Amino acid sequence: MIKWTMLKKSLKQSNPFLKDPELGKALLYQSVSSSTAVEGVLTEYPKLDKALEKKLREIIAVHEPSASYE
């Protein structure tokens, strides 16, 4: 029997988007905000600066090119 072992990395180590602390926080806010909105709870988070907002839109557009987030 062959047993394969994988080195375990945390999500923060393996996900390139989470390596940037500011971008990681923005992605977390986006995720929590959309998840709670589905449940009917509206949340407010601090306004992102223009550069970070642009990065976030570029990342989201890669995964959902037809979605509008405005």
N, C-alpha and C. Protein backbone atom coordinates (compact mmCIF):
# COMPACT_ATOMS: atom_id res chain seq x y z
N MET A 1 0.84 -1.18 0.00
CA MET A 1 0.00 0.00 0.00
C MET A 1 0.89 1.25 0.00
N ILE A 2 0.58 2.17 -0.87
CA ILE A 2 1.33 3.42 -0.96
C ILE A 2 0.53 4.51 -0.25
N LYS A 3 1.21 5.23 0.60
CA LYS A 3 0.55 6.31 1.31
C LYS A 3 1.19 7.63 0.91
N TRP A 4 0.39 8.55 0.40
CA TRP A 4 0.87 9.87 -0.01
C TRP A 4 0.62 10.85 1.12
N THR A 5 1.62 11.61 1.40
CA THR A 5 1.43 12.65 2.40
C THR A 5 1.65 14.00 1.73
N MET A 6 0.81 14.93 2.09
CA MET A 6 0.91 16.27 1.53
C MET A 6 1.30 17.23 2.63
N LEU A 7 2.12 18.17 2.27
CA LEU A 7 2.44 19.22 3.22
C LEU A 7 1.21 20.11 3.35
N LYS A 8 0.84 20.38 4.58
CA LYS A 8 -0.34 21.20 4.79
C LYS A 8 0.05 22.65 4.96
N LYS A 9 -0.55 23.50 4.14
CA LYS A 9 -0.34 24.94 4.24
C LYS A 9 -1.66 25.57 4.60
N SER A 10 -1.58 26.65 5.33
CA SER A 10 -2.81 27.36 5.64
C SER A 10 -3.33 28.04 4.39
N LEU A 11 -4.59 28.41 4.41
CA LEU A 11 -5.17 29.11 3.29
C LEU A 11 -4.43 30.42 3.04
N LYS A 12 -4.03 31.07 4.10
CA LYS A 12 -3.31 32.33 3.97
C LYS A 12 -1.97 32.14 3.24
N GLN A 13 -1.34 30.99 3.42
CA GLN A 13 -0.07 30.70 2.74
C GLN A 13 -0.27 30.24 1.30
N SER A 14 -1.36 29.54 1.03
CA SER A 14 -1.54 28.95 -0.29
C SER A 14 -2.33 29.83 -1.26
N ASN A 15 -3.12 30.76 -0.75
CA ASN A 15 -3.92 31.62 -1.62
C ASN A 15 -3.16 32.92 -1.88
N PRO A 16 -2.77 33.17 -3.13
CA PRO A 16 -1.97 34.36 -3.43
C PRO A 16 -2.69 35.68 -3.14
N PHE A 17 -4.02 35.67 -3.17
CA PHE A 17 -4.77 36.90 -2.91
C PHE A 17 -4.74 37.29 -1.44
N LEU A 18 -4.52 36.33 -0.56
CA LEU A 18 -4.53 36.61 0.87
C LEU A 18 -3.15 37.00 1.41
N LYS A 19 -2.13 36.95 0.57
CA LYS A 19 -0.79 37.31 1.02
C LYS A 19 -0.65 38.82 1.25
N ASP A 20 -1.42 39.62 0.54
CA ASP A 20 -1.45 41.06 0.75
C ASP A 20 -2.49 41.32 1.85
N PRO A 21 -2.06 41.79 3.02
CA PRO A 21 -2.99 41.96 4.15
C PRO A 21 -4.19 42.87 3.85
N GLU A 22 -3.95 43.97 3.16
CA GLU A 22 -5.06 44.89 2.86
C GLU A 22 -6.05 44.26 1.89
N LEU A 23 -5.53 43.59 0.87
CA LEU A 23 -6.39 42.94 -0.10
C LEU A 23 -7.15 41.78 0.55
N GLY A 24 -6.47 41.04 1.41
CA GLY A 24 -7.11 39.94 2.13
C GLY A 24 -8.29 40.43 2.96
N LYS A 25 -8.09 41.56 3.64
CA LYS A 25 -9.17 42.14 4.45
C LYS A 25 -10.34 42.57 3.56
N ALA A 26 -10.03 43.19 2.42
CA ALA A 26 -11.08 43.62 1.50
C ALA A 26 -11.86 42.43 0.96
N LEU A 27 -11.16 41.35 0.64
CA LEU A 27 -11.83 40.14 0.15
C LEU A 27 -12.70 39.52 1.24
N LEU A 28 -12.21 39.54 2.48
CA LEU A 28 -12.99 39.02 3.60
C LEU A 28 -14.26 39.85 3.78
N TYR A 29 -14.14 41.18 3.75
CA TYR A 29 -15.31 42.04 3.86
C TYR A 29 -16.31 41.75 2.74
N GLN A 30 -15.81 41.58 1.52
CA GLN A 30 -16.68 41.29 0.38
C GLN A 30 -17.42 39.97 0.58
N SER A 31 -16.71 38.97 1.05
CA SER A 31 -17.30 37.66 1.27
C SER A 31 -18.36 37.70 2.36
N VAL A 32 -18.02 38.31 3.49
CA VAL A 32 -18.97 38.39 4.61
C VAL A 32 -20.18 39.22 4.22
N SER A 33 -19.94 40.32 3.54
CA SER A 33 -21.04 41.20 3.15
C SER A 33 -22.01 40.48 2.21
N SER A 34 -21.49 39.76 1.23
CA SER A 34 -22.38 39.07 0.30
C SER A 34 -23.08 37.89 0.97
N SER A 35 -22.39 37.20 1.86
CA SER A 35 -23.01 36.06 2.56
C SER A 35 -24.12 36.51 3.49
N THR A 36 -23.89 37.60 4.22
CA THR A 36 -24.93 38.08 5.14
C THR A 36 -26.09 38.70 4.37
N ALA A 37 -25.82 39.31 3.21
CA ALA A 37 -26.89 39.88 2.40
C ALA A 37 -27.84 38.79 1.91
N VAL A 38 -27.30 37.62 1.61
CA VAL A 38 -28.13 36.49 1.18
C VAL A 38 -29.11 36.12 2.30
N GLU A 39 -28.65 36.27 3.55
CA GLU A 39 -29.50 35.97 4.70
C GLU A 39 -30.42 37.13 5.08
N GLY A 40 -30.32 38.24 4.37
CA GLY A 40 -31.18 39.38 4.63
C GLY A 40 -30.61 40.39 5.61
N VAL A 41 -29.33 40.25 5.95
CA VAL A 41 -28.69 41.18 6.88
C VAL A 41 -27.76 42.08 6.09
N LEU A 42 -28.00 43.38 6.14
CA LEU A 42 -27.16 44.32 5.43
C LEU A 42 -26.05 44.80 6.35
N THR A 43 -24.84 44.80 5.85
CA THR A 43 -23.67 45.20 6.65
C THR A 43 -22.98 46.39 6.00
N GLU A 44 -22.27 47.14 6.80
CA GLU A 44 -21.49 48.26 6.29
C GLU A 44 -20.04 48.08 6.71
N TYR A 45 -19.15 48.30 5.76
CA TYR A 45 -17.72 48.21 6.03
C TYR A 45 -17.05 49.49 5.60
N PRO A 46 -15.85 49.74 6.10
CA PRO A 46 -15.15 50.98 5.71
C PRO A 46 -14.96 51.06 4.20
N LYS A 47 -15.01 52.29 3.69
CA LYS A 47 -14.82 52.54 2.26
C LYS A 47 -13.38 52.19 1.87
N LEU A 48 -13.22 51.49 0.75
CA LEU A 48 -11.89 51.14 0.26
C LEU A 48 -11.28 52.32 -0.48
N ASP A 49 -9.96 52.43 -0.42
CA ASP A 49 -9.32 53.47 -1.23
C ASP A 49 -9.38 53.02 -2.70
N LYS A 50 -9.17 53.94 -3.61
CA LYS A 50 -9.36 53.68 -5.05
C LYS A 50 -8.47 52.55 -5.57
N ALA A 51 -7.20 52.51 -5.12
CA ALA A 51 -6.27 51.49 -5.61
C ALA A 51 -6.71 50.10 -5.17
N LEU A 52 -7.13 49.97 -3.91
CA LEU A 52 -7.56 48.68 -3.40
C LEU A 52 -8.89 48.25 -4.04
N GLU A 53 -9.76 49.21 -4.26
CA GLU A 53 -11.04 48.91 -4.92
C GLU A 53 -10.79 48.41 -6.34
N LYS A 54 -9.82 49.00 -7.03
CA LYS A 54 -9.48 48.56 -8.39
C LYS A 54 -8.95 47.12 -8.38
N LYS A 55 -8.06 46.81 -7.43
CA LYS A 55 -7.52 45.44 -7.32
C LYS A 55 -8.64 44.44 -7.08
N LEU A 56 -9.54 44.79 -6.17
CA LEU A 56 -10.65 43.91 -5.82
C LEU A 56 -11.54 43.66 -7.04
N ARG A 57 -11.84 44.70 -7.79
CA ARG A 57 -12.66 44.55 -8.99
C ARG A 57 -11.97 43.68 -10.03
N GLU A 58 -10.66 43.82 -10.17
CA GLU A 58 -9.92 42.99 -11.14
C GLU A 58 -9.98 41.52 -10.76
N ILE A 59 -9.85 41.23 -9.49
CA ILE A 59 -9.89 39.84 -9.03
C ILE A 59 -11.28 39.26 -9.23
N ILE A 60 -12.30 40.00 -8.86
CA ILE A 60 -13.67 39.51 -8.99
C ILE A 60 -14.02 39.34 -10.47
N ALA A 61 -13.59 40.24 -11.32
CA ALA A 61 -13.89 40.17 -12.75
C ALA A 61 -13.29 38.93 -13.39
N VAL A 62 -12.16 38.45 -12.89
CA VAL A 62 -11.53 37.25 -13.45
C VAL A 62 -12.44 36.05 -13.26
N HIS A 63 -13.13 36.00 -12.13
CA HIS A 63 -13.98 34.86 -11.81
C HIS A 63 -15.42 35.01 -12.29
N GLU A 64 -15.89 36.23 -12.43
CA GLU A 64 -17.26 36.48 -12.86
C GLU A 64 -17.29 37.64 -13.85
N PRO A 65 -16.88 37.41 -15.08
CA PRO A 65 -16.74 38.52 -16.03
C PRO A 65 -18.06 39.23 -16.37
N SER A 66 -19.18 38.56 -16.24
CA SER A 66 -20.44 39.21 -16.62
C SER A 66 -21.13 39.91 -15.45
N ALA A 67 -20.59 39.78 -14.25
CA ALA A 67 -21.24 40.38 -13.07
C ALA A 67 -20.89 41.86 -12.95
N SER A 68 -21.83 42.62 -12.42
CA SER A 68 -21.60 44.04 -12.18
C SER A 68 -21.64 44.29 -10.69
N TYR A 69 -20.63 44.98 -10.16
CA TYR A 69 -20.55 45.21 -8.73
C TYR A 69 -20.70 46.69 -8.38
N GLU A 70 -21.37 47.44 -9.20
CA GLU A 70 -21.56 48.87 -8.91
C GLU A 70 -22.95 49.11 -8.42
